[in-house]
């Protein structure tokens, strides 16, 4: 696989992981219910919208940042919405959750941890293959910021 095709696949994987996370957050946010509704709804809103100066941006803002930066490095091979959508669907197939409040929080934690793995792999690839140190720095910032979300989800689940 040449470097551009390889880089393109890392970009597809990263965007799909962020899109899946965005959909999972939105789903959990809109279905929050039960005795912890107020706290859960507020936490999910914070995570979904990125309303925390100490935490991660919303997944949508991160998608926009990554797409604008990395798509410019791969001008001959644009990404297509259908391949990202298929990758998102695959992520949900691999990460099914019980349709309960706690099940959705467990799913969100798995998605966040999965995103961390995708980011770490992408950082290693782009550091080696792309002559732009800003790419690795941008991705590392996302890793660092999303650690807050992992911590908050773990606290919510009592882990």
Protein backbone atom coordinates (compact mmCIF):
# COMPACT_ATOMS: atom_id res chain seq x y z
CA UNK A 1 0.00 0.00 0.00
CA UNK A 2 1.47 3.37 -0.90
CA UNK A 3 1.73 6.10 1.71
CA UNK A 4 -1.22 8.12 0.42
CA UNK A 5 -3.56 5.10 0.44
CA UNK A 6 -2.31 4.14 3.88
CA UNK A 7 -2.75 7.69 5.17
CA UNK A 8 -6.21 7.80 3.62
CA UNK A 9 -7.25 4.64 5.50
CA UNK A 10 -6.06 6.13 8.79
CA UNK A 11 -8.14 9.21 8.03
CA UNK A 12 -11.23 7.11 7.23
CA UNK A 13 -10.78 5.16 10.48
CA UNK A 14 -10.35 8.34 12.51
CA UNK A 15 -13.33 10.16 11.02
CA UNK A 16 -15.50 7.05 11.41
CA UNK A 17 -14.49 6.69 15.08
CA UNK A 18 -15.37 10.34 15.74
CA UNK A 19 -18.68 10.07 13.83
CA UNK A 20 -19.63 6.91 15.73
CA UNK A 21 -18.80 8.61 19.01
CA UNK A 22 -20.87 11.64 18.02
CA UNK A 23 -23.89 9.47 17.18
CA UNK A 24 -23.53 7.45 20.38
CA UNK A 25 -23.33 10.62 22.50
CA UNK A 26 -26.35 12.12 20.77
CA UNK A 27 -28.35 8.92 21.20
CA UNK A 28 -27.49 8.64 24.90
CA UNK A 29 -28.18 12.35 25.42
CA UNK A 30 -31.65 12.21 23.89
CA UNK A 31 -32.59 8.98 25.72
CA UNK A 32 -31.38 9.99 29.19
CA UNK A 33 -34.03 9.04 31.74
CA UNK A 34 -34.58 7.69 35.22
CA UNK A 35 -33.67 8.85 38.70
CA UNK A 36 -30.32 10.29 37.56
CA UNK A 37 -31.83 12.10 34.58
CA UNK A 38 -30.70 15.62 35.49
CA UNK A 39 -27.11 14.65 36.20
CA UNK A 40 -26.84 12.24 33.27
CA UNK A 41 -28.43 14.69 30.85
CA UNK A 42 -26.07 17.48 31.96
CA UNK A 43 -23.02 15.20 31.72
CA UNK A 44 -24.00 13.93 28.28
CA UNK A 45 -24.68 17.46 27.08
CA UNK A 46 -21.21 18.47 28.27
CA UNK A 47 -19.63 15.52 26.46
CA UNK A 48 -21.75 15.78 23.31
CA UNK A 49 -21.44 19.53 22.85
CA UNK A 50 -17.89 19.88 24.20
CA UNK A 51 -19.02 22.46 26.75
CA UNK A 52 -15.97 22.22 28.98
CA UNK A 53 -12.91 24.40 28.70
CA UNK A 54 -10.83 21.62 30.29
CA UNK A 55 -12.11 18.76 28.16
CA UNK A 56 -12.48 17.75 24.56
CA UNK A 57 -14.24 19.68 21.84
CA UNK A 58 -17.41 18.11 20.53
CA UNK A 59 -16.74 15.22 18.16
CA UNK A 60 -18.23 17.31 15.33
CA UNK A 61 -15.69 20.10 15.85
CA UNK A 62 -12.89 17.54 15.99
CA UNK A 63 -14.11 15.98 12.75
CA UNK A 64 -14.06 19.37 11.08
CA UNK A 65 -10.53 20.11 12.33
CA UNK A 66 -9.16 16.71 11.29
CA UNK A 67 -10.87 16.74 7.89
CA UNK A 68 -9.66 20.21 6.99
CA UNK A 69 -6.08 19.52 8.05
CA UNK A 70 -5.64 16.00 6.73
CA UNK A 71 -7.78 16.13 3.60
CA UNK A 72 -5.45 18.84 2.34
CA UNK A 73 -2.59 16.34 2.57
CA UNK A 74 -4.44 13.78 0.42
CA UNK A 75 -5.74 15.80 -2.54
CA UNK A 76 -5.78 12.92 -5.05
CA UNK A 77 -7.90 10.62 -2.89
CA UNK A 78 -10.87 12.48 -1.41
CA UNK A 79 -12.93 10.70 1.21
CA UNK A 80 -16.46 9.68 0.39
CA UNK A 81 -19.41 9.88 2.76
CA UNK A 82 -20.53 6.34 2.00
CA UNK A 83 -17.24 4.73 3.05
CA UNK A 84 -17.29 6.70 6.30
CA UNK A 85 -20.93 5.73 6.88
CA UNK A 86 -20.12 2.04 6.35
CA UNK A 87 -17.21 2.29 8.79
CA UNK A 88 -19.50 3.96 11.36
CA UNK A 89 -22.10 1.20 10.95
CA UNK A 90 -19.36 -1.39 11.41
CA UNK A 91 -18.22 0.36 14.61
CA UNK A 92 -21.76 0.07 16.01
CA UNK A 93 -21.99 -3.58 15.00
CA UNK A 94 -18.78 -4.27 16.91
CA UNK A 95 -19.85 -2.20 19.90
CA UNK A 96 -23.42 -3.18 20.70
CA UNK A 97 -24.77 -2.13 24.07
CA UNK A 98 -27.77 -3.05 26.20
CA UNK A 99 -30.53 -0.52 25.69
CA UNK A 100 -30.28 0.80 29.23
CA UNK A 101 -28.86 4.01 30.65
CA UNK A 102 -25.79 2.23 32.04
CA UNK A 103 -25.45 0.21 28.84
CA UNK A 104 -25.25 3.42 26.83
CA UNK A 105 -22.63 4.84 29.22
CA UNK A 106 -20.59 1.63 28.89
CA UNK A 107 -20.84 1.89 25.12
CA UNK A 108 -19.66 5.51 25.23
CA UNK A 109 -16.66 4.51 27.32
CA UNK A 110 -15.78 1.74 24.83
CA UNK A 111 -16.12 4.21 21.93
CA UNK A 112 -13.88 6.74 23.70
CA UNK A 113 -11.25 4.09 24.44
CA UNK A 114 -11.49 2.79 20.87
CA UNK A 115 -10.97 6.31 19.58
CA UNK A 116 -7.84 6.55 21.72
CA UNK A 117 -6.46 3.46 19.98
CA UNK A 118 -7.28 4.83 16.53
CA UNK A 119 -5.61 8.13 17.43
CA UNK A 120 -2.46 6.49 18.79
CA UNK A 121 -2.11 4.40 15.61
CA UNK A 122 -2.75 7.45 13.41
CA UNK A 123 -0.17 9.51 15.30
CA UNK A 124 2.48 6.85 14.77
CA UNK A 125 1.61 6.61 11.08
CA UNK A 126 1.51 10.33 10.38
CA UNK A 127 4.72 11.02 12.32
CA UNK A 128 6.47 8.49 10.08
CA UNK A 129 4.79 9.26 6.76
CA UNK A 130 3.69 12.90 6.65
CA UNK A 131 6.25 15.72 6.70
CA UNK A 132 4.11 17.98 8.86
CA UNK A 133 4.71 17.91 12.63
CA UNK A 134 1.48 19.82 13.15
CA UNK A 135 -0.54 16.72 12.25
CA UNK A 136 0.82 14.62 15.11
CA UNK A 137 0.46 17.57 17.48
CA UNK A 138 -3.18 18.08 16.47
CA UNK A 139 -3.97 14.40 16.97
CA UNK A 140 -2.15 14.28 20.31
CA UNK A 141 -4.21 17.25 21.50
CA UNK A 142 -7.37 15.28 20.74
CA UNK A 143 -5.98 12.29 22.69
CA UNK A 144 -5.13 14.48 25.67
CA UNK A 145 -8.45 16.32 25.67
CA UNK A 146 -10.54 13.15 25.37
CA UNK A 147 -8.90 11.72 28.51
CA UNK A 148 -11.21 13.99 30.49
CA UNK A 149 -14.21 12.38 28.84
CA UNK A 150 -12.93 8.90 29.68
CA UNK A 151 -12.44 9.94 33.29
CA UNK A 152 -15.96 11.40 33.52
CA UNK A 153 -17.55 8.29 31.99
CA UNK A 154 -15.59 6.02 34.33
CA UNK A 155 -16.73 8.10 37.31
CA UNK A 156 -20.35 7.89 36.15
CA UNK A 157 -20.06 4.10 35.90
CA UNK A 158 -18.30 3.82 39.26
CA UNK A 159 -15.10 2.42 37.74
